[in-house]
């Protein structure tokens, strides 16, 4: 237990985990894609599915319906990655 007898530094944790402006924009795009398919009834909260961009955001893809597909979480997260975590 790392915080015995001292307060937890929430502000510092938030600053470290909050991400950069670019990361926040990409996260917003992923959330937008998920909401689009939830409205269509294709995916549901807690169903174990991920919304995949056919052309990844890191490769210049956009969040339009024609660029989205539903995959299982394990299949979507198993792509080979570069050292900067972008898809190869």
C-alpha atoms as a PDB file:
ATOM      1  CA  UNK A   1       0.000   0.000   0.000  1.00  0.00           C
ATOM      2  CA  UNK A   2       1.941   3.015  -1.252  1.00  0.00           C
ATOM      3  CA  UNK A   3      -0.112   5.787   0.398  1.00  0.00           C
ATOM      4  CA  UNK A   4      -0.073   4.712   4.044  1.00  0.00           C
ATOM      5  CA  UNK A   5      -0.233   7.752   6.350  1.00  0.00           C
ATOM      6  CA  UNK A   6      -0.035  10.281   3.507  1.00  0.00           C
ATOM      7  CA  UNK A   7      -2.611  11.699   1.079  1.00  0.00           C
ATOM      8  CA  UNK A   8      -2.888  10.337  -2.421  1.00  0.00           C
ATOM      9  CA  UNK A   9      -1.693  12.852  -5.079  1.00  0.00           C
ATOM     10  CA  UNK A  10      -4.844  12.868  -7.251  1.00  0.00           C
ATOM     11  CA  UNK A  11      -3.899  16.043  -9.102  1.00  0.00           C
ATOM     12  CA  UNK A  12      -0.529  14.604 -10.145  1.00  0.00           C
ATOM     13  CA  UNK A  13      -2.144  11.327 -11.246  1.00  0.00           C
ATOM     14  CA  UNK A  14      -4.728  13.182 -13.328  1.00  0.00           C
ATOM     15  CA  UNK A  15      -2.045  15.239 -15.058  1.00  0.00           C
ATOM     16  CA  UNK A  16      -0.054  12.112 -15.902  1.00  0.00           C
ATOM     17  CA  UNK A  17      -3.012   9.996 -17.044  1.00  0.00           C
ATOM     18  CA  UNK A  18      -5.047  12.750 -18.687  1.00  0.00           C
ATOM     19  CA  UNK A  19      -2.944  12.676 -21.818  1.00  0.00           C
ATOM     20  CA  UNK A  20      -1.824  15.243 -24.320  1.00  0.00           C
ATOM     21  CA  UNK A  21      -4.159  17.277 -26.488  1.00  0.00           C
ATOM     22  CA  UNK A  22      -3.561  14.928 -29.435  1.00  0.00           C
ATOM     23  CA  UNK A  23      -4.390  11.860 -27.316  1.00  0.00           C
ATOM     24  CA  UNK A  24      -7.589  13.511 -26.088  1.00  0.00           C
ATOM     25  CA  UNK A  25      -8.670  14.244 -29.676  1.00  0.00           C
ATOM     26  CA  UNK A  26      -8.078  10.623 -30.725  1.00  0.00           C
ATOM     27  CA  UNK A  27      -9.984   9.372 -27.675  1.00  0.00           C
ATOM     28  CA  UNK A  28     -12.878  11.676 -28.572  1.00  0.00           C
ATOM     29  CA  UNK A  29     -12.923  10.214 -32.103  1.00  0.00           C
ATOM     30  CA  UNK A  30     -13.002   6.642 -30.726  1.00  0.00           C
ATOM     31  CA  UNK A  31     -15.837   7.554 -28.354  1.00  0.00           C
ATOM     32  CA  UNK A  32     -17.745   9.197 -31.205  1.00  0.00           C
ATOM     33  CA  UNK A  33     -17.405   6.031 -33.305  1.00  0.00           C
ATOM     34  CA  UNK A  34     -18.727   3.888 -30.453  1.00  0.00           C
ATOM     35  CA  UNK A  35     -21.716   6.199 -29.914  1.00  0.00           C
ATOM     36  CA  UNK A  36     -22.562   6.123 -33.629  1.00  0.00           C
ATOM     37  CA  UNK A  37     -22.844   2.333 -33.629  1.00  0.00           C
ATOM     38  CA  UNK A  38     -24.661   2.279 -30.274  1.00  0.00           C
ATOM     39  CA  UNK A  39     -27.364   4.536 -31.746  1.00  0.00           C
ATOM     40  CA  UNK A  40     -27.749   2.099 -34.655  1.00  0.00           C
ATOM     41  CA  UNK A  41     -28.122  -0.773 -32.186  1.00  0.00           C
ATOM     42  CA  UNK A  42     -25.114  -2.655 -33.507  1.00  0.00           C
ATOM     43  CA  UNK A  43     -23.111  -2.592 -30.259  1.00  0.00           C
ATOM     44  CA  UNK A  44     -24.219  -2.353 -26.643  1.00  0.00           C
ATOM     45  CA  UNK A  45     -22.522  -1.396 -23.424  1.00  0.00           C
ATOM     46  CA  UNK A  46     -20.696  -4.358 -21.898  1.00  0.00           C
ATOM     47  CA  UNK A  47     -21.032  -6.653 -24.925  1.00  0.00           C
ATOM     48  CA  UNK A  48     -17.274  -7.281 -25.246  1.00  0.00           C
ATOM     49  CA  UNK A  49     -17.121  -5.780 -28.732  1.00  0.00           C
ATOM     50  CA  UNK A  50     -14.876  -3.016 -30.018  1.00  0.00           C
ATOM     51  CA  UNK A  51     -15.557  -0.554 -32.794  1.00  0.00           C
ATOM     52  CA  UNK A  52     -12.675  -0.812 -35.254  1.00  0.00           C
ATOM     53  CA  UNK A  53     -11.600   1.761 -37.807  1.00  0.00           C
ATOM     54  CA  UNK A  54     -10.869  -0.007 -41.103  1.00  0.00           C
ATOM     55  CA  UNK A  55      -8.261   2.659 -41.839  1.00  0.00           C
ATOM     56  CA  UNK A  56      -6.795   3.490 -38.409  1.00  0.00           C
ATOM     57  CA  UNK A  57      -6.842   7.021 -37.065  1.00  0.00           C
ATOM     58  CA  UNK A  58      -3.041   6.816 -36.816  1.00  0.00           C
ATOM     59  CA  UNK A  59      -2.883   6.212 -40.586  1.00  0.00           C
ATOM     60  CA  UNK A  60      -5.174   9.128 -41.476  1.00  0.00           C
ATOM     61  CA  UNK A  61      -8.542   7.374 -41.169  1.00  0.00           C
ATOM     62  CA  UNK A  62     -11.675   9.240 -40.151  1.00  0.00           C
ATOM     63  CA  UNK A  63     -14.705   8.488 -38.034  1.00  0.00           C
ATOM     64  CA  UNK A  64     -17.340   8.020 -40.714  1.00  0.00           C
ATOM     65  CA  UNK A  65     -19.753   5.092 -40.856  1.00  0.00           C
ATOM     66  CA  UNK A  66     -18.109   3.569 -43.934  1.00  0.00           C
ATOM     67  CA  UNK A  67     -14.775   3.338 -42.056  1.00  0.00           C
ATOM     68  CA  UNK A  68     -16.185   1.512 -39.005  1.00  0.00           C
ATOM     69  CA  UNK A  69     -16.697  -2.175 -38.256  1.00  0.00           C
ATOM     70  CA  UNK A  70     -17.384  -4.228 -35.130  1.00  0.00           C
ATOM     71  CA  UNK A  71     -14.838  -6.770 -33.908  1.00  0.00           C
ATOM     72  CA  UNK A  72     -14.333  -8.750 -30.746  1.00  0.00           C
ATOM     73  CA  UNK A  73     -12.133  -6.951 -28.246  1.00  0.00           C
ATOM     74  CA  UNK A  74      -9.405  -9.590 -28.413  1.00  0.00           C
ATOM     75  CA  UNK A  75      -9.248  -9.484 -32.221  1.00  0.00           C
ATOM     76  CA  UNK A  76      -9.215  -5.688 -32.345  1.00  0.00           C
ATOM     77  CA  UNK A  77      -6.420  -5.330 -29.809  1.00  0.00           C
ATOM     78  CA  UNK A  78      -4.125  -7.981 -31.289  1.00  0.00           C
ATOM     79  CA  UNK A  79      -2.730  -5.971 -34.216  1.00  0.00           C
ATOM     80  CA  UNK A  80       1.041  -5.758 -34.481  1.00  0.00           C
ATOM     81  CA  UNK A  81       2.203  -2.391 -33.185  1.00  0.00           C
ATOM     82  CA  UNK A  82       5.178  -0.077 -33.768  1.00  0.00           C
ATOM     83  CA  UNK A  83       7.289   1.133 -30.856  1.00  0.00           C
ATOM     84  CA  UNK A  84       5.069   4.262 -30.637  1.00  0.00           C
ATOM     85  CA  UNK A  85       1.999   1.965 -30.287  1.00  0.00           C
ATOM     86  CA  UNK A  86       0.602   2.839 -33.727  1.00  0.00           C
ATOM     87  CA  UNK A  87      -0.654   0.000 -35.937  1.00  0.00           C
ATOM     88  CA  UNK A  88       1.918  -1.451 -38.369  1.00  0.00           C
END
